[in-house]
Each structure stands twice: as C-alpha cells, then as structure tokens.
C-alpha cells in the first residue's frame, strides 16, 4: 500500500482566517443590528403606505 502525503495537513482542515486579506469595511455588532432593524422598519413602512393590491 502506498503512503499518501497531503499538503497542509498540520492544520487538520481548519481555515486560518488571519491569513486572509484585511477587509476595508469593518462593522461592529451593534451597528449591524441597527442596520438590520432599519431595513425591517423600512420594509414594514413600505407595506403599510404602499400595500400590494
């Protein structure tokens, strides 16, 4: 039986995200929650003022 050698096997299949490029857009968790809430309120307002007939 032939022995197989896999590259990068020391990481055990885990991705190391700190080796990725740094993002130019960084949001904190409260900012994301506020943006999602604003989108939900916007959609609700559209449904109230412009209902689909």
PDB file of N, CA and C in Angstrom:
ATOM      1  N   UNK A   1       0.824  -1.167   0.000  1.00  0.00           N
ATOM      2  CA  UNK A   1       0.000   0.000   0.000  1.00  0.00           C
ATOM      3  C   UNK A   1       0.883   1.251   0.000  1.00  0.00           C
ATOM      4  N   UNK A   2       0.561   2.205  -0.877  1.00  0.00           N
ATOM      5  CA  UNK A   2       1.356   3.419  -0.993  1.00  0.00           C
ATOM      6  C   UNK A   2       0.931   4.430   0.071  1.00  0.00           C
ATOM      7  N   UNK A   3       1.902   5.128   0.616  1.00  0.00           N
ATOM      8  CA  UNK A   3       1.605   6.132   1.635  1.00  0.00           C
ATOM      9  C   UNK A   3       1.307   7.463   0.956  1.00  0.00           C
ATOM     10  N   UNK A   4       0.206   8.105   1.386  1.00  0.00           N
ATOM     11  CA  UNK A   4      -0.194   9.389   0.801  1.00  0.00           C
ATOM     12  C   UNK A   4       0.257  10.526   1.699  1.00  0.00           C
ATOM     13  N   UNK A   5       0.683  11.610   1.091  1.00  0.00           N
ATOM     14  CA  UNK A   5       1.078  12.794   1.843  1.00  0.00           C
ATOM     15  C   UNK A   5       0.213  13.957   1.374  1.00  0.00           C
ATOM     16  N   UNK A   6      -0.433  14.620   2.324  1.00  0.00           N
ATOM     17  CA  UNK A   6      -1.320  15.733   1.974  1.00  0.00           C
ATOM     18  C   UNK A   6      -0.674  17.043   2.416  1.00  0.00           C
ATOM     19  N   UNK A   7      -0.674  18.060   1.543  1.00  0.00           N
ATOM     20  CA  UNK A   7      -0.092  19.348   1.927  1.00  0.00           C
ATOM     21  C   UNK A   7      -0.958  20.049   2.976  1.00  0.00           C
ATOM     22  N   UNK A   8      -0.320  20.715   3.903  1.00  0.00           N
ATOM     23  CA  UNK A   8      -1.047  21.474   4.909  1.00  0.00           C
ATOM     24  C   UNK A   8      -1.794  20.615   5.901  1.00  0.00           C
ATOM     25  N   UNK A   9      -1.372  19.396   6.092  1.00  0.00           N
ATOM     26  CA  UNK A   9      -2.117  18.503   6.967  1.00  0.00           C
ATOM     27  C   UNK A   9      -1.955  18.862   8.435  1.00  0.00           C
ATOM     28  N   UNK A  10      -1.040  19.765   8.758  1.00  0.00           N
ATOM     29  CA  UNK A  10      -0.840  20.127  10.159  1.00  0.00           C
ATOM     30  C   UNK A  10      -1.998  20.958  10.704  1.00  0.00           C
ATOM     31  N   UNK A  11      -2.820  21.568   9.824  1.00  0.00           N
ATOM     32  CA  UNK A  11      -3.939  22.370  10.276  1.00  0.00           C
ATOM     33  C   UNK A  11      -5.193  21.541  10.476  1.00  0.00           C
ATOM     34  N   UNK A  12      -5.224  20.319  10.044  1.00  0.00           N
ATOM     35  CA  UNK A  12      -6.375  19.455  10.247  1.00  0.00           C
ATOM     36  C   UNK A  12      -7.623  19.931   9.531  1.00  0.00           C
ATOM     37  N   UNK A  13      -7.489  20.595   8.413  1.00  0.00           N
ATOM     38  CA  UNK A  13      -8.639  21.054   7.648  1.00  0.00           C
ATOM     39  C   UNK A  13      -9.220  22.372   8.135  1.00  0.00           C
ATOM     40  N   UNK A  14      -8.629  22.985   9.133  1.00  0.00           N
ATOM     41  CA  UNK A  14      -9.137  24.259   9.637  1.00  0.00           C
ATOM     42  C   UNK A  14      -8.618  25.405   8.787  1.00  0.00           C
ATOM     43  N   UNK A  15      -9.473  26.397   8.610  1.00  0.00           N
ATOM     44  CA  UNK A  15      -9.091  27.570   7.831  1.00  0.00           C
ATOM     45  C   UNK A  15      -8.535  28.609   8.794  1.00  0.00           C
ATOM     46  N   UNK A  16      -7.438  29.188   8.443  1.00  0.00           N
ATOM     47  CA  UNK A  16      -6.850  30.245   9.266  1.00  0.00           C
ATOM     48  C   UNK A  16      -7.235  31.588   8.651  1.00  0.00           C
ATOM     49  N   UNK A  17      -8.201  32.250   9.259  1.00  0.00           N
ATOM     50  CA  UNK A  17      -8.735  33.481   8.689  1.00  0.00           C
ATOM     51  C   UNK A  17      -7.784  34.662   8.844  1.00  0.00           C
ATOM     52  N   UNK A  18      -6.857  34.595   9.787  1.00  0.00           N
ATOM     53  CA  UNK A  18      -5.957  35.723   9.942  1.00  0.00           C
ATOM     54  C   UNK A  18      -4.949  35.818   8.798  1.00  0.00           C
ATOM     55  N   UNK A  19      -4.909  34.836   7.940  1.00  0.00           N
ATOM     56  CA  UNK A  19      -4.033  34.909   6.775  1.00  0.00           C
ATOM     57  C   UNK A  19      -4.729  35.548   5.585  1.00  0.00           C
ATOM     58  N   UNK A  20      -6.043  35.797   5.713  1.00  0.00           N
ATOM     59  CA  UNK A  20      -6.791  36.422   4.628  1.00  0.00           C
ATOM     60  C   UNK A  20      -6.456  37.910   4.586  1.00  0.00           C
ATOM     61  N   UNK A  21      -6.846  38.559   3.502  1.00  0.00           N
ATOM     62  CA  UNK A  21      -6.604  39.985   3.384  1.00  0.00           C
ATOM     63  C   UNK A  21      -7.530  40.741   4.344  1.00  0.00           C
ATOM     64  N   UNK A  22      -7.094  41.847   4.879  1.00  0.00           N
ATOM     65  CA  UNK A  22      -7.949  42.613   5.800  1.00  0.00           C
ATOM     66  C   UNK A  22      -9.058  43.326   5.032  1.00  0.00           C
ATOM     67  N   UNK A  23     -10.250  43.308   5.583  1.00  0.00           N
ATOM     68  CA  UNK A  23     -11.388  43.943   4.930  1.00  0.00           C
ATOM     69  C   UNK A  23     -11.330  45.450   5.123  1.00  0.00           C
ATOM     70  N   UNK A  24     -11.767  46.200   4.122  1.00  0.00           N
ATOM     71  CA  UNK A  24     -11.822  47.651   4.238  1.00  0.00           C
ATOM     72  C   UNK A  24     -13.074  48.085   4.996  1.00  0.00           C
ATOM     73  N   UNK A  25     -14.095  47.218   4.998  1.00  0.00           N
ATOM     74  CA  UNK A  25     -15.332  47.521   5.710  1.00  0.00           C
ATOM     75  C   UNK A  25     -15.376  46.701   6.989  1.00  0.00           C
ATOM     76  N   UNK A  26     -15.380  47.375   8.115  1.00  0.00           N
ATOM     77  CA  UNK A  26     -15.460  46.675   9.397  1.00  0.00           C
ATOM     78  C   UNK A  26     -16.617  47.278  10.176  1.00  0.00           C
ATOM     79  N   UNK A  27     -17.570  46.420  10.556  1.00  0.00           N
ATOM     80  CA  UNK A  27     -18.729  46.858  11.310  1.00  0.00           C
ATOM     81  C   UNK A  27     -18.719  46.189  12.670  1.00  0.00           C
ATOM     82  N   UNK A  28     -19.112  46.949  13.674  1.00  0.00           N
ATOM     83  CA  UNK A  28     -19.280  46.375  14.998  1.00  0.00           C
ATOM     84  C   UNK A  28     -20.676  45.758  15.079  1.00  0.00           C
ATOM     85  N   UNK A  29     -20.867  44.822  15.994  1.00  0.00           N
ATOM     86  CA  UNK A  29     -22.133  44.103  16.110  1.00  0.00           C
ATOM     87  C   UNK A  29     -23.334  45.032  16.324  1.00  0.00           C
ATOM     88  N   UNK A  30     -23.247  46.032  17.194  1.00  0.00           N
ATOM     89  CA  UNK A  30     -24.417  46.916  17.361  1.00  0.00           C
ATOM     90  C   UNK A  30     -24.796  47.662  16.082  1.00  0.00           C
ATOM     91  N   UNK A  31     -23.800  48.023  15.278  1.00  0.00           N
ATOM     92  CA  UNK A  31     -24.098  48.714  14.023  1.00  0.00           C
ATOM     93  C   UNK A  31     -24.847  47.803  13.057  1.00  0.00           C
ATOM     94  N   UNK A  32     -24.472  46.539  13.010  1.00  0.00           N
ATOM     95  CA  UNK A  32     -25.152  45.586  12.124  1.00  0.00           C
ATOM     96  C   UNK A  32     -26.593  45.393  12.581  1.00  0.00           C
ATOM     97  N   UNK A  33     -26.798  45.274  13.897  1.00  0.00           N
ATOM     98  CA  UNK A  33     -28.157  45.087  14.427  1.00  0.00           C
ATOM     99  C   UNK A  33     -29.017  46.307  14.110  1.00  0.00           C
ATOM    100  N   UNK A  34     -28.463  47.492  14.251  1.00  0.00           N
ATOM    101  CA  UNK A  34     -29.217  48.713  13.936  1.00  0.00           C
ATOM    102  C   UNK A  34     -29.555  48.771  12.452  1.00  0.00           C
ATOM    103  N   UNK A  35     -28.608  48.425  11.591  1.00  0.00           N
ATOM    104  CA  UNK A  35     -28.881  48.448  10.142  1.00  0.00           C
ATOM    105  C   UNK A  35     -29.973  47.448   9.769  1.00  0.00           C
ATOM    106  N   UNK A  36     -29.958  46.257  10.366  1.00  0.00           N
ATOM    107  CA  UNK A  36     -30.988  45.258  10.082  1.00  0.00           C
ATOM    108  C   UNK A  36     -32.344  45.756  10.564  1.00  0.00           C
ATOM    109  N   UNK A  37     -32.377  46.366  11.754  1.00  0.00           N
ATOM    110  CA  UNK A  37     -33.635  46.911  12.277  1.00  0.00           C
ATOM    111  C   UNK A  37     -34.175  48.010  11.374  1.00  0.00           C
ATOM    112  N   UNK A  38     -33.301  48.862  10.863  1.00  0.00           N
ATOM    113  CA  UNK A  38     -33.739  49.931   9.958  1.00  0.00           C
ATOM    114  C   UNK A  38     -34.300  49.377   8.651  1.00  0.00           C
ATOM    115  N   UNK A  39     -33.681  48.343   8.133  1.00  0.00           N
ATOM    116  CA  UNK A  39     -34.191  47.725   6.899  1.00  0.00           C
ATOM    117  C   UNK A  39     -35.570  47.113   7.156  1.00  0.00           C
ATOM    118  N   UNK A  40     -35.737  46.444   8.306  1.00  0.00           N
ATOM    119  CA  UNK A  40     -37.032  45.847   8.635  1.00  0.00           C
ATOM    120  C   UNK A  40     -38.095  46.937   8.761  1.00  0.00           C
ATOM    121  N   UNK A  41     -37.773  48.035   9.459  1.00  0.00           N
ATOM    122  CA  UNK A  41     -38.727  49.135   9.597  1.00  0.00           C
ATOM    123  C   UNK A  41     -39.062  49.767   8.254  1.00  0.00           C
ATOM    124  N   UNK A  42     -38.075  49.868   7.376  1.00  0.00           N
ATOM    125  CA  UNK A  42     -38.305  50.430   6.044  1.00  0.00           C
ATOM    126  C   UNK A  42     -39.263  49.555   5.241  1.00  0.00           C
ATOM    127  N   UNK A  43     -39.051  48.247   5.295  1.00  0.00           N
ATOM    128  CA  UNK A  43     -39.932  47.327   4.562  1.00  0.00           C
ATOM    129  C   UNK A  43     -41.343  47.358   5.142  1.00  0.00           C
ATOM    130  N   UNK A  44     -41.462  47.404   6.468  1.00  0.00           N
ATOM    131  CA  UNK A  44     -42.785  47.493   7.082  1.00  0.00           C
ATOM    132  C   UNK A  44     -43.490  48.790   6.686  1.00  0.00           C
ATOM    133  N   UNK A  45     -42.751  49.898   6.663  1.00  0.00           N
ATOM    134  CA  UNK A  45     -43.345  51.178   6.262  1.00  0.00           C
ATOM    135  C   UNK A  45     -43.814  51.126   4.812  1.00  0.00           C
ATOM    136  N   UNK A  46     -43.028  50.504   3.954  1.00  0.00           N
ATOM    137  CA  UNK A  46     -43.459  50.381   2.554  1.00  0.00           C
ATOM    138  C   UNK A  46     -44.733  49.556   2.448  1.00  0.00           C
ATOM    139  N   UNK A  47     -44.836  48.482   3.242  1.00  0.00           N
ATOM    140  CA  UNK A  47     -46.038  47.648   3.192  1.00  0.00           C
ATOM    141  C   UNK A  47     -47.248  48.369   3.745  1.00  0.00           C
ATOM    142  N   UNK A  48     -47.058  49.259   4.709  1.00  0.00           N
ATOM    143  CA  UNK A  48     -48.193  49.996   5.279  1.00  0.00           C
ATOM    144  C   UNK A  48     -48.652  51.093   4.331  1.00  0.00           C
ATOM    145  N   UNK A  49     -47.722  51.894   3.814  1.00  0.00           N
ATOM    146  CA  UNK A  49     -48.087  53.033   2.986  1.00  0.00           C
ATOM    147  C   UNK A  49     -48.334  52.687   1.518  1.00  0.00           C
ATOM    148  N   UNK A  50     -47.741  51.619   1.037  1.00  0.00           N
ATOM    149  CA  UNK A  50     -47.924  51.190  -0.345  1.00  0.00           C
ATOM    150  C   UNK A  50     -48.248  49.710  -0.384  1.00  0.00           C
ATOM    151  N   UNK A  51     -49.451  49.323   0.064  1.00  0.00           N
ATOM    152  CA  UNK A  51     -49.778  47.884   0.101  1.00  0.00           C
ATOM    153  C   UNK A  51     -49.916  47.303  -1.305  1.00  0.00           C
ATOM    154  N   UNK A  52     -49.573  46.041  -1.426  1.00  0.00           N
ATOM    155  CA  UNK A  52     -49.688  45.336  -2.705  1.00  0.00           C
ATOM    156  C   UNK A  52     -51.148  44.952  -2.889  1.00  0.00           C
ATOM    157  N   UNK A  53     -51.702  45.318  -4.039  1.00  0.00           N
ATOM    158  CA  UNK A  53     -53.123  45.033  -4.276  1.00  0.00           C
ATOM    159  C   UNK A  53     -53.313  43.773  -5.055  1.00  0.00           C
TER     160      UNK A  53
END
